[in-house]
Amino acid sequence: MKKFVAMVLCLAVIMGIASCSTTTETSKKNRSDDSVTEETKKKHGSEKEEETEEETEDQTTHDNDTNILYSGDQVRFSTTDRDGNAYNESVFEDYEYILINFWEPWCGPCVSEIPDLQELYTNYKDKGLLIIGVYSETTMEAEVDQILGDSNVDYLILKYTSEFDRFQSGYVPTTILVDKNGNVINTGESYQGVDESLIVGSRSYRDWEAIITRYIK
């Protein structure tokens, strides 16, 4: 029993180091309308309902109005970059795989992994990889400038909209991998037993490369 408790505490410490909760006052204020609500978090954290026999026959059948993320769901959005240029899911079409990384400038683990994501993009963009960084903290643009400048980021940076709500875990960074059609890919990175599509917490370059090279050779 003592060993079990120790393991749980150890996992909690690791998660705390690798990610930041989005329930801080800062994120509450800046994702007031476009945020992950408590209801969304509960749905992410709850167990899947038992599948009926009909659902078992068709594993892709589910209620698209829920906030639970399923592998195979399609990412659809309309937003802008930092210069006001419009973007939507059509940006996926010229790439084979896309990492969408949800981050915030006040989140230490988010900022720490940006150089690794930039290196990953540099090494794999010619092989069909696009990385998109999405943030909502528009009151910290000077900090965002500094962060992106320090890492010479040239992958796409977009602003958060409510269309991204269903891809949140309650922590940043959270990342999803999608194909050129916007289909969410199951990477084997489970989150609270709900789905294996949310990549919660920061990763090193070596970790990201291990994930990407399952798909890009």
Protein backbone atom coordinates (compact mmCIF):
# COMPACT_ATOMS: atom_id res chain seq x y z
CA MET A 1 0.00 0.00 0.00
CA LYS A 2 2.84 2.39 0.88
CA LYS A 3 4.51 1.66 -2.45
CA PHE A 4 1.26 2.40 -4.30
CA VAL A 5 0.83 5.75 -2.52
CA ALA A 6 4.42 6.65 -3.29
CA MET A 7 3.92 5.90 -6.98
CA VAL A 8 0.79 8.08 -7.13
CA LEU A 9 2.60 10.98 -5.47
CA CYS A 10 5.53 10.57 -7.86
CA LEU A 11 3.24 10.72 -10.91
CA ALA A 12 1.54 13.83 -9.54
CA VAL A 13 4.90 15.58 -9.14
CA ILE A 14 5.95 14.66 -12.69
CA MET A 15 2.68 16.03 -14.14
CA GLY A 16 3.11 19.22 -12.15
CA ILE A 17 6.60 19.71 -13.61
CA ALA A 18 5.60 18.90 -17.19
CA SER A 19 2.40 20.93 -17.42
CA CYS A 20 0.47 23.89 -16.03
CA SER A 21 -3.17 23.84 -14.96
CA THR A 22 -5.39 26.14 -17.02
CA THR A 23 -7.52 26.87 -13.95
CA THR A 24 -5.28 29.77 -12.87
CA GLU A 25 -6.86 33.20 -12.51
CA THR A 26 -4.96 34.38 -15.60
CA SER A 27 -6.34 31.68 -17.86
CA LYS A 28 -9.82 31.96 -16.39
CA LYS A 29 -9.93 35.61 -17.30
CA ASN A 30 -8.60 35.19 -20.83
CA ARG A 31 -10.57 32.12 -21.77
CA SER A 32 -13.79 33.28 -20.19
CA ASP A 33 -15.88 32.54 -23.28
CA ASP A 34 -13.36 30.49 -25.25
CA SER A 35 -12.24 28.29 -22.37
CA VAL A 36 -12.39 24.73 -21.21
CA THR A 37 -15.32 24.86 -18.81
CA GLU A 38 -15.57 22.75 -15.71
CA GLU A 39 -18.17 20.66 -17.53
CA THR A 40 -15.66 20.03 -20.32
CA LYS A 41 -13.02 18.94 -17.82
CA LYS A 42 -15.45 16.59 -16.14
CA LYS A 43 -16.27 15.04 -19.48
CA HIS A 44 -12.58 14.66 -20.30
CA GLY A 45 -11.93 13.04 -16.94
CA SER A 46 -14.95 10.78 -16.83
CA GLU A 47 -14.95 7.22 -18.07
CA LYS A 48 -16.48 6.42 -21.45
CA GLU A 49 -20.01 5.14 -21.22
CA GLU A 50 -20.40 1.49 -22.03
CA GLU A 51 -20.73 0.97 -25.74
CA THR A 52 -23.90 -0.58 -27.05
CA GLU A 53 -23.72 -3.49 -29.46
CA GLU A 54 -24.44 -1.07 -32.31
CA GLU A 55 -21.57 1.19 -31.27
CA THR A 56 -19.25 -1.78 -31.04
CA GLU A 57 -19.99 -2.58 -34.66
CA ASP A 58 -19.08 0.98 -35.65
CA GLN A 59 -16.35 2.31 -33.40
CA THR A 60 -16.58 5.80 -34.93
CA THR A 61 -20.19 6.32 -33.83
CA HIS A 62 -20.50 8.99 -31.11
CA ASP A 63 -22.25 12.20 -30.21
CA ASN A 64 -20.37 15.01 -31.96
CA ASP A 65 -21.92 17.53 -29.59
CA THR A 66 -19.94 16.20 -26.62
CA ASN A 67 -16.63 17.66 -25.54
CA ILE A 68 -14.91 14.29 -25.34
CA LEU A 69 -12.18 13.92 -27.94
CA TYR A 70 -12.23 10.76 -30.03
CA SER A 71 -9.55 9.49 -32.39
CA GLY A 72 -10.77 10.16 -35.91
CA ASP A 73 -12.62 13.36 -34.99
CA GLN A 74 -11.92 16.17 -37.42
CA VAL A 75 -10.39 19.49 -36.45
CA ARG A 76 -12.31 22.45 -37.86
CA PHE A 77 -11.55 26.07 -36.97
CA SER A 78 -11.43 29.66 -38.17
CA THR A 79 -8.96 32.04 -36.55
CA THR A 80 -6.06 34.40 -37.28
CA ASP A 81 -2.34 34.54 -36.79
CA ARG A 82 -0.71 37.33 -34.79
CA ASP A 83 -0.78 39.64 -37.81
CA GLY A 84 -4.51 39.18 -38.39
CA ASN A 85 -4.19 36.83 -41.36
CA ALA A 86 -7.11 34.38 -41.55
CA TYR A 87 -6.55 30.63 -41.20
CA ASN A 88 -8.72 27.56 -41.11
CA GLU A 89 -8.27 23.80 -41.47
CA SER A 90 -7.38 24.16 -45.17
CA VAL A 91 -3.84 24.88 -44.01
CA PHE A 92 -3.50 21.13 -43.34
CA GLU A 93 -3.79 20.21 -47.02
CA ASP A 94 -0.15 20.83 -47.94
CA TYR A 95 1.21 18.60 -45.16
CA GLU A 96 0.99 14.95 -44.19
CA TYR A 97 0.87 15.41 -40.41
CA ILE A 98 0.21 18.38 -38.16
CA LEU A 99 1.06 18.85 -34.49
CA ILE A 100 -1.25 21.38 -32.84
CA ASN A 101 0.37 22.54 -29.62
CA PHE A 102 -1.81 24.47 -27.13
CA TRP A 103 0.42 26.61 -24.95
CA GLU A 104 0.49 29.84 -22.93
CA PRO A 105 3.31 32.36 -22.35
CA TRP A 106 2.88 32.12 -18.54
CA CYS A 107 3.40 28.34 -18.58
CA GLY A 108 7.01 27.34 -17.88
CA PRO A 109 6.83 23.82 -19.40
CA CYS A 110 5.13 25.27 -22.50
CA VAL A 111 7.91 27.78 -23.03
CA SER A 112 10.64 25.25 -22.26
CA GLU A 113 9.57 22.87 -25.02
CA ILE A 114 9.24 25.51 -27.75
CA PRO A 115 12.93 25.23 -28.80
CA ASP A 116 12.46 21.45 -29.15
CA LEU A 117 9.31 21.93 -31.23
CA GLN A 118 11.15 24.41 -33.44
CA GLU A 119 14.00 21.94 -33.94
CA LEU A 120 11.48 19.22 -34.76
CA TYR A 121 9.81 21.47 -37.32
CA THR A 122 13.14 22.41 -38.89
CA ASN A 123 14.15 18.77 -39.27
CA TYR A 124 10.81 17.38 -40.49
CA LYS A 125 8.95 20.14 -42.34
CA ASP A 126 10.39 18.98 -45.65
CA LYS A 127 9.05 15.51 -44.89
CA GLY A 128 5.49 16.73 -44.47
CA LEU A 129 5.28 17.99 -40.86
CA LEU A 130 3.51 21.21 -39.87
CA ILE A 131 3.53 22.51 -36.31
CA ILE A 132 0.90 24.99 -35.16
CA GLY A 133 1.22 26.75 -31.82
CA VAL A 134 -2.09 28.04 -30.40
CA TYR A 135 -2.33 30.44 -27.46
CA SER A 136 -5.07 32.54 -25.86
CA GLU A 137 -3.19 34.98 -23.59
CA THR A 138 -3.52 38.11 -25.71
CA THR A 139 -2.61 40.41 -22.82
CA MET A 140 0.97 39.10 -22.88
CA GLU A 141 1.95 39.87 -26.47
CA ALA A 142 5.29 41.37 -25.45
CA GLU A 143 6.16 38.14 -23.64
CA VAL A 144 5.03 36.12 -26.64
CA ASP A 145 7.30 38.23 -28.86
CA GLN A 146 10.23 37.51 -26.56
CA ILE A 147 9.54 33.78 -26.33
CA LEU A 148 9.12 33.27 -30.06
CA GLY A 149 12.08 35.48 -30.85
CA ASP A 150 14.42 33.70 -28.44
CA SER A 151 13.70 30.37 -30.14
CA ASN A 152 13.60 31.78 -33.69
CA VAL A 153 10.18 30.21 -34.13
CA ASP A 154 9.02 30.05 -37.73
CA TYR A 155 6.23 27.51 -37.41
CA LEU A 156 2.67 28.79 -37.50
CA ILE A 157 1.33 30.60 -34.42
CA LEU A 158 -2.45 31.07 -34.19
CA LYS A 159 -4.86 32.57 -31.70
CA TYR A 160 -7.21 30.43 -29.64
CA THR A 161 -10.93 30.23 -30.41
CA SER A 162 -13.75 28.26 -28.81
CA GLU A 163 -13.57 25.74 -31.66
CA PHE A 164 -10.47 24.37 -29.94
CA ASP A 165 -12.26 23.80 -26.62
CA ARG A 166 -12.92 20.12 -27.19
CA PHE A 167 -9.20 19.44 -27.66
CA GLN A 168 -8.26 20.58 -24.15
CA SER A 169 -7.22 18.50 -21.15
CA GLY A 170 -7.35 21.21 -18.48
CA TYR A 171 -3.56 21.57 -18.68
CA VAL A 172 -1.07 23.25 -20.99
CA PRO A 173 0.79 22.27 -22.96
CA THR A 174 -1.64 19.84 -24.56
CA THR A 175 -0.93 18.67 -28.09
CA ILE A 176 -2.82 16.70 -30.72
CA LEU A 177 -1.59 15.10 -33.93
CA VAL A 178 -3.82 15.24 -37.02
CA ASP A 179 -3.49 14.13 -40.62
CA LYS A 180 -3.88 16.29 -43.73
CA ASN A 181 -7.66 15.82 -43.60
CA GLY A 182 -7.78 17.09 -40.03
CA ASN A 183 -8.48 13.66 -38.53
CA VAL A 184 -7.21 13.30 -34.96
CA ILE A 185 -4.68 10.47 -34.68
CA ASN A 186 -4.44 8.05 -31.78
CA THR A 187 -0.80 8.33 -30.67
CA GLY A 188 -1.10 5.98 -27.72
CA GLU A 189 -0.74 8.85 -25.25
CA SER A 190 -3.70 8.19 -22.93
CA TYR A 191 -5.17 10.88 -20.69
CA GLN A 192 -7.23 9.84 -17.64
CA GLY A 193 -8.42 6.78 -19.49
CA VAL A 194 -10.63 8.82 -21.83
CA ASP A 195 -8.77 8.71 -25.11
CA GLU A 196 -5.31 8.11 -26.52
CA SER A 197 -5.16 11.28 -28.60
CA LEU A 198 -4.34 14.03 -26.10
CA ILE A 199 -0.61 14.46 -25.51
CA VAL A 200 -0.64 16.17 -22.11
CA GLY A 201 2.48 17.87 -20.78
CA SER A 202 5.76 18.95 -22.35
CA ARG A 203 8.12 16.61 -24.20
CA SER A 204 11.81 16.69 -25.10
CA TYR A 205 12.99 16.74 -28.70
CA ARG A 206 13.82 13.04 -28.45
CA ASP A 207 10.29 12.27 -27.21
CA TRP A 208 8.65 14.31 -29.97
CA GLU A 209 10.83 12.72 -32.62
CA ALA A 210 9.89 9.24 -31.34
CA ILE A 211 6.21 10.11 -31.78
CA ILE A 212 6.59 11.73 -35.19
CA THR A 213 8.76 9.00 -36.69
CA ARG A 214 5.97 6.49 -36.17
CA TYR A 215 4.34 8.28 -39.09
CA ILE A 216 7.06 10.20 -40.91
CA LYS A 217 10.14 8.23 -41.95
